[in-house]
Protein backbone atom coordinates (compact mmCIF):
# COMPACT_ATOMS: atom_id res chain seq x y z
CA MET A 1 -15.88 -8.62 -3.60
CA SER A 2 -14.67 -6.08 -5.39
CA ALA A 3 -10.75 -5.65 -6.13
CA THR A 4 -11.02 -2.80 -4.10
CA ALA A 5 -12.28 -4.27 -0.77
CA PRO A 6 -10.44 -7.43 -0.79
CA ALA A 7 -10.75 -10.41 1.92
CA ALA A 8 -7.47 -11.84 1.06
CA ALA A 9 -4.18 -11.05 -0.88
CA THR A 10 -5.08 -13.68 -2.98
CA GLU A 11 -7.91 -11.23 -4.66
CA LEU A 12 -5.63 -8.46 -4.63
CA THR A 13 -5.10 -7.16 -8.26
CA ASP A 14 -1.29 -7.44 -9.79
CA LYS A 15 -0.65 -4.06 -8.38
CA GLN A 16 -2.10 -4.28 -5.24
CA ARG A 17 0.59 -7.31 -4.92
CA GLN A 18 3.03 -5.54 -6.24
CA ILE A 19 2.76 -2.71 -3.36
CA LEU A 20 2.05 -5.28 -0.56
CA THR A 21 4.75 -7.37 -1.67
CA TYR A 22 7.00 -3.96 -1.42
CA LEU A 23 5.70 -2.95 2.25
CA ARG A 24 5.82 -6.13 3.91
CA ARG A 25 9.67 -6.30 2.73
CA GLU A 26 10.69 -2.11 3.35
CA GLY A 27 8.12 -2.54 6.73
CA ARG A 28 10.61 -4.38 8.65
CA THR A 29 12.88 -1.40 8.56
CA LYS A 30 10.81 1.81 8.01
CA THR A 31 7.10 2.72 9.47
CA TYR A 32 6.25 5.87 7.25
CA PHE A 33 6.27 5.73 3.12
CA LYS A 34 5.34 8.42 0.89
CA SER A 35 2.98 7.00 -2.17
CA ARG A 36 5.58 9.06 -4.66
CA LEU A 37 8.39 7.13 -3.12
CA ILE A 38 6.69 3.56 -3.44
CA GLY A 39 5.86 4.39 -6.84
CA GLU A 40 9.09 5.43 -8.09
CA GLU A 41 10.25 2.34 -6.64
CA LEU A 42 7.53 -0.41 -7.89
CA GLY A 43 7.11 2.06 -11.32
CA LEU A 44 3.92 3.81 -10.33
CA SER A 45 2.39 6.83 -10.01
CA ALA A 46 1.75 8.29 -6.84
CA LYS A 47 -1.74 8.66 -7.68
CA GLU A 48 -2.01 4.64 -8.90
CA VAL A 49 -0.17 3.98 -5.32
CA GLY A 50 -3.00 5.97 -3.42
CA ALA A 51 -5.95 4.09 -5.18
CA ASN A 52 -4.80 0.69 -4.69
CA MET A 53 -3.56 1.19 -1.32
CA SER A 54 -7.46 1.30 0.33
CA ALA A 55 -7.33 -2.48 -0.69
CA ILE A 56 -4.54 -3.18 1.21
CA ARG A 57 -5.71 -1.37 3.95
CA ASP A 58 -9.06 -2.52 3.66
CA GLY A 59 -8.37 -6.44 3.09
CA ALA A 60 -8.03 -8.83 5.81
CA LEU A 61 -3.86 -9.11 5.49
CA ASP A 62 -0.66 -9.29 7.60
CA VAL A 63 0.00 -5.51 7.16
CA ASP A 64 -1.53 -2.58 8.81
CA VAL A 65 -1.92 0.40 6.88
CA GLU A 66 -3.07 3.51 7.93
CA LYS A 67 -3.41 7.00 5.74
CA TRP A 68 -1.25 9.17 8.23
CA GLY A 69 -0.48 12.67 6.35
CA TYR A 70 -1.07 14.44 3.57
CA SER A 71 1.75 17.15 3.42
CA SER A 72 3.63 17.00 -0.08
CA GLY A 73 2.07 14.29 -0.78
CA THR A 74 0.50 10.81 0.80
CA THR A 75 2.24 9.30 3.91
CA TRP A 76 1.21 5.90 5.11
CA LYS A 77 1.92 4.47 8.22
CA VAL A 78 2.46 0.68 7.81
CA SER A 79 3.14 -1.98 10.83
CA VAL A 80 4.24 -5.61 9.39
């Protein structure tokens, strides 16, 4: 199985784990996240966040991620 389509959190890359931890923490109070803002918080580019979100979205994880919008950057809808 590749790092872009993990079956479990243990198969995630370090960047993906970092994003997942952020989403779990912040997802308790927010629902929508912009790639750019996640990147600013974690020291990643918006492009890096977007590239790694698909692994989180497609993984068998406790976080539900849906690509929501593209207005001034990608927005993700997250349910924890």
